[in-house]
Protein backbone atom coordinates (compact mmCIF):
# COMPACT_ATOMS: atom_id res chain seq x y z
CA UNK A 1 -7.53 6.76 32.50
CA UNK A 2 -7.08 8.89 30.42
CA UNK A 3 -8.39 8.49 25.89
CA UNK A 4 -9.13 10.25 23.10
CA UNK A 5 -12.50 9.64 21.73
CA UNK A 6 -14.23 9.77 18.66
CA UNK A 7 -17.48 11.28 18.90
CA UNK A 8 -19.21 12.02 15.91
CA UNK A 9 -16.63 11.11 12.66
CA UNK A 10 -15.49 14.58 10.68
CA UNK A 11 -14.98 15.62 14.42
CA UNK A 12 -11.59 15.56 16.15
CA UNK A 13 -10.97 13.20 18.72
CA UNK A 14 -11.60 14.49 22.50
CA UNK A 15 -9.11 14.05 25.67
CA UNK A 16 -11.52 12.56 28.50
CA UNK A 17 -11.09 11.08 31.57
CA UNK A 18 -13.31 7.84 31.55
CA UNK A 19 -13.53 4.95 34.23
CA UNK A 20 -11.49 1.66 33.66
CA UNK A 21 -13.42 -1.05 31.47
CA UNK A 22 -14.35 -4.12 33.75
CA UNK A 23 -13.48 -7.29 31.69
CA UNK A 24 -16.20 -9.50 30.73
CA UNK A 25 -16.52 -12.98 32.22
CA UNK A 26 -13.93 -13.87 28.42
CA UNK A 27 -11.93 -11.06 27.98
CA UNK A 28 -8.83 -10.23 29.95
CA UNK A 29 -8.33 -6.12 30.55
CA UNK A 30 -5.01 -4.79 28.85
CA UNK A 31 -2.76 -1.98 30.50
CA UNK A 32 -1.48 -0.79 26.57
CA UNK A 33 1.35 0.28 25.87
CA UNK A 34 1.33 1.47 22.40
CA UNK A 35 -1.12 1.19 19.94
CA UNK A 36 -0.46 1.69 16.39
CA UNK A 37 -2.20 4.28 14.01
CA UNK A 38 -4.18 2.85 11.04
CA UNK A 39 -5.77 4.14 7.74
CA UNK A 40 -9.17 2.14 9.55
CA UNK A 41 -8.86 3.73 12.06
CA UNK A 42 -8.74 7.27 9.47
CA UNK A 43 -11.81 5.86 7.44
CA UNK A 44 -13.74 5.13 10.62
CA UNK A 45 -13.05 8.97 11.96
CA UNK A 46 -13.91 10.48 8.56
CA UNK A 47 -16.92 8.53 8.26
CA UNK A 48 -16.24 6.61 5.00
CA UNK A 49 -17.48 3.44 6.63
CA UNK A 50 -20.57 3.62 8.54
CA UNK A 51 -21.85 3.16 11.74
CA UNK A 52 -19.17 2.95 14.32
CA UNK A 53 -20.39 2.29 17.70
CA UNK A 54 -20.68 5.63 19.54
CA UNK A 55 -18.83 7.25 21.22
CA UNK A 56 -15.83 5.19 20.13
CA UNK A 57 -12.39 4.58 21.13
CA UNK A 58 -10.76 4.35 17.88
CA UNK A 59 -7.40 1.54 17.48
CA UNK A 60 -6.94 -2.11 16.50
CA UNK A 61 -3.49 -2.56 16.83
CA UNK A 62 -2.48 -2.36 20.57
CA UNK A 63 0.21 -4.15 22.36
CA UNK A 64 0.23 -4.14 25.60
CA UNK A 65 -0.02 -5.99 29.04
CA UNK A 66 -2.50 -8.18 31.19
CA UNK A 67 -4.17 -6.42 33.57
CA UNK A 68 -6.75 -8.67 34.71
CA UNK A 69 -9.07 -11.56 33.54
CA UNK A 70 -12.46 -12.36 33.32
CA UNK A 71 -13.95 -15.13 35.02
CA UNK A 72 -13.40 -17.59 32.04
CA UNK A 73 -10.54 -16.61 30.78
CA UNK A 74 -7.38 -19.41 31.13
CA UNK A 75 -5.62 -18.41 28.17
CA UNK A 76 -3.59 -15.70 29.56
CA UNK A 77 -2.60 -14.28 33.66
CA UNK A 78 -1.59 -11.30 34.56
CA UNK A 79 1.80 -9.78 33.15
CA UNK A 80 1.48 -11.26 30.25
CA UNK A 81 1.82 -9.71 26.64
CA UNK A 82 -0.40 -9.39 24.16
CA UNK A 83 -1.91 -8.36 21.25
CA UNK A 84 -5.12 -7.26 19.83
CA UNK A 85 -6.00 -6.82 16.31
CA UNK A 86 -8.84 -5.78 14.18
CA UNK A 87 -11.45 -8.56 14.34
CA UNK A 88 -12.48 -8.34 17.69
CA UNK A 89 -14.94 -11.95 18.45
CA UNK A 90 -17.14 -13.83 15.63
CA UNK A 91 -20.20 -15.58 16.33
CA UNK A 92 -18.44 -18.93 15.90
CA UNK A 93 -21.20 -21.07 14.72
CA UNK A 94 -21.58 -19.63 10.88
CA UNK A 95 -20.89 -21.30 7.70
CA UNK A 96 -17.99 -18.81 6.73
CA UNK A 97 -17.45 -19.60 10.96
CA UNK A 98 -17.27 -22.76 10.59
CA UNK A 99 -15.44 -22.78 7.65
CA UNK A 100 -11.99 -21.39 8.43
CA UNK A 101 -13.49 -17.90 7.02
CA UNK A 102 -14.15 -16.18 10.40
CA UNK A 103 -12.93 -12.99 8.49
CA UNK A 104 -16.01 -12.45 6.40
CA UNK A 105 -18.77 -14.33 9.72
CA UNK A 106 -21.74 -11.57 9.38
CA UNK A 107 -21.57 -10.86 12.91
CA UNK A 108 -18.17 -9.65 13.90
CA UNK A 109 -17.47 -7.22 15.78
CA UNK A 110 -14.57 -5.31 15.20
CA UNK A 111 -11.37 -3.86 17.41
CA UNK A 112 -11.66 0.55 17.25
CA UNK A 113 -15.29 -0.02 14.95
CA UNK A 114 -17.92 -1.73 17.08
CA UNK A 115 -15.78 -2.49 20.67
CA UNK A 116 -13.70 0.63 22.09
CA UNK A 117 -9.71 0.05 21.31
CA UNK A 118 -6.30 1.62 22.56
CA UNK A 119 -6.46 4.94 22.09
CA UNK A 120 -6.57 5.65 26.19
CA UNK A 121 -4.46 3.70 28.69
CA UNK A 122 -6.65 -0.27 29.68
CA UNK A 123 -9.06 -1.57 27.09
CA UNK A 124 -10.98 -4.49 27.24
CA UNK A 125 -11.28 -7.64 24.26
CA UNK A 126 -12.18 -10.82 23.92
CA UNK A 127 -8.82 -13.49 25.39
CA UNK A 128 -9.99 -16.17 22.51
CA UNK A 129 -9.25 -13.21 19.88
CA UNK A 130 -5.94 -11.97 21.35
CA UNK A 131 -2.64 -12.99 20.29
CA UNK A 132 0.05 -13.71 23.26
CA UNK A 133 3.24 -11.91 22.37
CA UNK A 134 6.67 -12.60 23.46
CA UNK A 135 7.98 -10.32 26.18
CA UNK A 136 10.81 -9.09 24.19
CA UNK A 137 7.52 -8.02 21.36
CA UNK A 138 8.63 -4.94 20.47
CA UNK A 139 6.72 -1.34 20.50
CA UNK A 140 7.59 -0.48 16.91
CA UNK A 141 5.84 -4.27 15.47
CA UNK A 142 2.44 -2.99 16.67
CA UNK A 143 1.74 -2.37 13.08
CA UNK A 144 1.60 -5.62 12.70
CA UNK A 145 -1.66 -6.67 14.40
CA UNK A 146 -3.29 -5.20 11.48
CA UNK A 147 -1.33 -3.72 8.64
CA UNK A 148 1.77 -6.76 9.15
CA UNK A 149 -1.39 -9.08 9.19
CA UNK A 150 -3.94 -7.80 6.24
CA UNK A 151 -0.51 -7.56 4.22
CA UNK A 152 -0.05 -11.32 4.98
CA UNK A 153 -3.47 -11.95 4.38
CA UNK A 154 -2.92 -10.52 1.31
CA UNK A 155 0.49 -12.27 -0.36
CA UNK A 156 -1.25 -14.81 0.21
CA UNK A 157 -4.12 -14.31 -1.81
CA UNK A 158 -1.65 -13.11 -4.21
CA UNK A 159 -0.57 -17.33 -4.09
CA UNK A 160 3.44 -18.38 -5.04
CA UNK A 161 3.67 -14.78 -7.66
CA UNK A 162 7.30 -13.67 -8.13
CA UNK A 163 7.51 -10.49 -9.31
CA UNK A 164 4.77 -8.90 -6.97
CA UNK A 165 3.80 -4.90 -7.26
CA UNK A 166 3.09 -2.82 -4.43
CA UNK A 167 1.14 0.27 -5.13
CA UNK A 168 0.86 2.64 -1.70
CA UNK A 169 4.24 1.83 0.28
CA UNK A 170 3.23 2.72 3.67
CA UNK A 171 2.47 0.70 6.94
CA UNK A 172 0.85 -2.54 5.11
CA UNK A 173 3.47 -2.41 2.08
CA UNK A 174 6.82 -1.76 4.07
CA UNK A 175 6.32 -4.69 6.33
CA UNK A 176 4.96 -7.14 3.36
CA UNK A 177 7.46 -6.13 1.57
CA UNK A 178 10.11 -7.73 4.33
CA UNK A 179 8.12 -11.02 4.02
CA UNK A 180 8.19 -11.36 0.16
CA UNK A 181 11.72 -10.37 0.11
CA UNK A 182 12.14 -13.45 2.70
CA UNK A 183 9.83 -15.94 0.77
CA UNK A 184 12.24 -14.73 -2.13
CA UNK A 185 9.86 -12.86 -4.17
CA UNK A 186 10.61 -9.64 -6.47
CA UNK A 187 9.15 -6.48 -5.01
CA UNK A 188 8.38 -3.76 -7.28
CA UNK A 189 7.02 -0.61 -5.54
CA UNK A 190 4.75 2.14 -7.05
CA UNK A 191 4.11 5.33 -4.60
CA UNK A 192 2.84 8.72 -5.62
CA UNK A 193 4.57 11.11 -7.82
CA UNK A 194 7.50 12.77 -6.11
CA UNK A 195 6.78 10.66 -3.31
CA UNK A 196 10.85 10.02 -2.49
CA UNK A 197 10.93 8.83 1.16
CA UNK A 198 8.71 6.32 0.56
CA UNK A 199 10.61 5.18 -3.16
CA UNK A 200 13.79 5.16 -1.16
CA UNK A 201 12.30 3.27 1.72
CA UNK A 202 11.23 0.75 -0.42
CA UNK A 203 14.64 -0.18 -2.13
CA UNK A 204 16.54 0.25 1.81
CA UNK A 205 13.90 -2.51 2.27
CA UNK A 206 14.77 -4.88 -0.14
CA UNK A 207 12.45 -3.72 -3.47
CA UNK A 208 14.23 -3.94 -7.02
CA UNK A 209 12.36 -1.05 -8.30
CA UNK A 210 10.77 1.93 -6.78
CA UNK A 211 8.32 4.45 -8.69
CA UNK A 212 5.60 6.34 -9.38
CA UNK A 213 2.31 4.56 -9.81
CA UNK A 214 1.08 6.17 -12.81
CA UNK A 215 3.77 4.52 -14.87
CA UNK A 216 3.85 1.87 -16.27
CA UNK A 217 5.85 -1.94 -14.59
CA UNK A 218 9.33 -1.84 -15.67
CA UNK A 219 8.37 -5.59 -16.60
CA UNK A 220 5.26 -7.76 -16.78
CA UNK A 221 4.51 -8.79 -12.78
CA UNK A 222 3.15 -11.98 -11.27
CA UNK A 223 0.27 -10.77 -8.84
CA UNK A 224 0.45 -6.33 -7.86
CA UNK A 225 -1.28 -5.97 -4.23
CA UNK A 226 -3.35 -2.29 -4.04
CA UNK A 227 -2.52 -0.86 0.26
CA UNK A 228 -3.99 2.08 -1.26
CA UNK A 229 -6.96 3.58 -1.23
CA UNK A 230 -7.47 4.71 -4.74
CA UNK A 231 -9.97 3.07 -7.62
CA UNK A 232 -8.12 4.43 -10.23
CA UNK A 233 -4.93 2.09 -9.40
CA UNK A 234 -7.66 -1.17 -10.45
CA UNK A 235 -7.45 -0.80 -13.82
CA UNK A 236 -3.28 0.21 -13.48
CA UNK A 237 -2.00 -2.94 -12.16
CA UNK A 238 -4.20 -4.93 -14.97
CA UNK A 239 -2.30 -4.10 -17.17
CA UNK A 240 1.01 -4.49 -15.06
CA UNK A 241 0.32 -8.12 -13.85
CA UNK A 242 0.74 -11.02 -17.07
CA UNK A 243 -2.27 -12.70 -17.84
CA UNK A 244 -3.22 -15.41 -15.28
CA UNK A 245 -1.67 -13.18 -13.46
CA UNK A 246 -3.65 -11.68 -9.91
CA UNK A 247 -4.53 -8.02 -8.63
CA UNK A 248 -5.13 -8.15 -4.61
CA UNK A 249 -7.40 -5.13 -3.40
CA UNK A 250 -5.76 -5.25 0.25
CA UNK A 251 -7.96 -2.32 1.68
CA UNK A 252 -11.49 -2.25 3.91
CA UNK A 253 -12.34 0.86 1.62
CA UNK A 254 -11.88 2.26 -1.46
CA UNK A 255 -12.96 5.02 -3.80
CA UNK A 256 -14.76 3.58 -6.87
CA UNK A 257 -13.00 2.03 -9.13
CA UNK A 258 -13.71 3.40 -12.89
CA UNK A 259 -14.72 1.10 -16.06
CA UNK A 260 -12.14 -0.86 -17.79
CA UNK A 261 -11.34 -1.75 -21.44
CA UNK A 262 -12.22 -5.98 -20.85
CA UNK A 263 -8.96 -6.97 -23.04
CA UNK A 264 -6.53 -5.71 -19.43
CA UNK A 265 -9.02 -7.98 -17.53
CA UNK A 266 -8.35 -11.27 -20.66
CA UNK A 267 -6.08 -13.86 -20.08
CA UNK A 268 -7.64 -15.26 -16.71
CA UNK A 269 -6.31 -12.20 -14.56
CA UNK A 270 -8.29 -11.77 -11.47
CA UNK A 271 -9.31 -9.21 -8.98
CA UNK A 272 -9.71 -10.28 -5.85
CA UNK A 273 -10.15 -8.54 -2.57
CA UNK A 274 -9.40 -9.31 1.13
CA UNK A 275 -11.57 -8.75 3.72
CA UNK A 276 -10.26 -8.52 7.18
CA UNK A 277 -8.11 -11.27 8.65
CA UNK A 278 -8.92 -14.07 10.80
CA UNK A 279 -6.71 -15.76 14.03
CA UNK A 280 -4.60 -18.41 12.02
CA UNK A 281 -3.26 -15.12 9.81
CA UNK A 282 -1.85 -13.38 13.21
CA UNK A 283 -0.34 -16.83 14.67
CA UNK A 284 1.72 -17.09 11.40
CA UNK A 285 2.76 -13.86 11.09
CA UNK A 286 3.80 -13.54 14.70
CA UNK A 287 6.15 -16.42 13.99
CA UNK A 288 7.37 -15.54 10.73
CA UNK A 289 8.38 -11.63 10.90
CA UNK A 290 10.92 -12.80 14.62
CA UNK A 291 12.90 -15.16 11.30
CA UNK A 292 12.50 -12.25 8.39
CA UNK A 293 13.22 -10.49 11.06
CA UNK A 294 10.87 -7.10 10.31
CA UNK A 295 11.91 -3.46 10.27
CA UNK A 296 9.06 -1.54 10.74
CA UNK A 297 9.43 1.98 10.76
CA UNK A 298 7.50 3.60 12.97
CA UNK A 299 6.65 7.46 13.71
CA UNK A 300 5.91 7.77 17.75
CA UNK A 301 3.30 10.81 19.63
CA UNK A 302 2.06 11.12 22.51
CA UNK A 303 -1.92 9.60 23.61
CA UNK A 304 -2.45 13.09 22.66
CA UNK A 305 -1.30 13.64 19.81
CA UNK A 306 -4.05 11.28 18.39
CA UNK A 307 -4.78 14.15 16.15
CA UNK A 308 -2.23 14.89 14.66
CA UNK A 309 -1.27 11.39 14.04
CA UNK A 310 -4.68 11.27 12.03
CA UNK A 311 -3.99 14.45 10.03
CA UNK A 312 -0.50 13.08 9.64
CA UNK A 313 -1.00 9.46 7.87
CA UNK A 314 -4.08 11.37 6.17
CA UNK A 315 -1.66 13.91 4.25
CA UNK A 316 -0.06 11.34 3.73
CA UNK A 317 3.58 12.68 5.69
CA UNK A 318 4.07 9.04 7.02
CA UNK A 319 7.39 7.25 6.16
CA UNK A 320 5.80 3.71 7.47
CA UNK A 321 4.01 3.87 10.02
CA UNK A 322 2.01 5.99 13.31
CA UNK A 323 1.91 4.76 16.90
CA UNK A 324 0.81 6.30 20.17
CA UNK A 325 3.30 5.49 22.97
CA UNK A 326 0.89 5.42 25.78
CA UNK A 327 3.00 4.05 28.54
CA UNK A 328 4.95 6.49 30.84
C-alpha cells in the first residue's frame, strides 16, 4: 500500500510502499477513503508531543470501508462504512475506564500517535473503538471524528452557557459553532487579526459576531472555548467571561499560559481543559450532526500532498479543515 510516513519529528513525511497491515483478533482492516488532517498531526510531526511511535503513519480522522476483520470481531462486516477517531484503545480496567472517563486512561493508545493511522491506503484499528457510520456519511465529515468530537466535548464542558466565545476558528470551531447554534446558543468567533476568511466563515455559519481575538468581547460571555494552541489567549478569555463563567482549553497542546492577575479569575470563574475523547462523545455527535445538519468546509489534498496540507495548516492557510482523499 501507499503511505506517507513520519520517520522523525521535524522531518517531512516520506512516501513509501508498505505491506498492507494484518488485523489482530479484535481489529478490522479498513480501506481508507479519506483522512482529515488535524492540528494534532502537526503537533506530532513537529515534535511538540513526546515519544510518538516511529516510524509512524499519521492520521486519526479516518473514514473508510471494512476490508477484513480479526477472528473476535462481531461488530462489523466487510463493506461497512466506519470511522476511526483519536482514541485507539484503553486498558478497560482502571478507575478512569470503569467510571466513564476512558479518555483519561493512563494506558490509552492513540491513532496516528502510538498506532499507525490513516495517511495510507489501508489502516488497522481496534473494532471496539471504531464508530459505525451510515453509507451516506460524506467524506467532508471526516473532521468530525476528532475536531468535531473534541469540540463537542468542549461544548459540553462549557455547561449550559448561552453566550459562547470560540477562540481560533479552524476545523473544530467551524463545526462546533453550528452545533452550538443548533442548540440555541449565541456564538462569538475570535480570529487572528487580519484573518478575514475565518471571520467571514464564522458569520456565514451563524456567529452573531466575529472579530480580532486581541480585542475585548462585544458583550460578556458565559463561556469561552480556546481551540488555538496559544496560551496567551487564556487571560483574554478570562476577561471576556462573566462571573461564574468557564474557559475551556480544548487542545491537546498549548504554549505556556502567561501569569495573570487573580482578579480576572475571581468571581467563581473556572479554567478547565478537555483531554481526548470518549466513544460516547463520538456516538452522540454522530447523532446530532445530521440534525443540524453540519456543513463542513474542507480543502481536499491527494495522499502524496500530505506535507503540503500540513504546511498550509501550520501557516494558517486552511479555511475550515483539510483532508487527504485517498480512495481512487
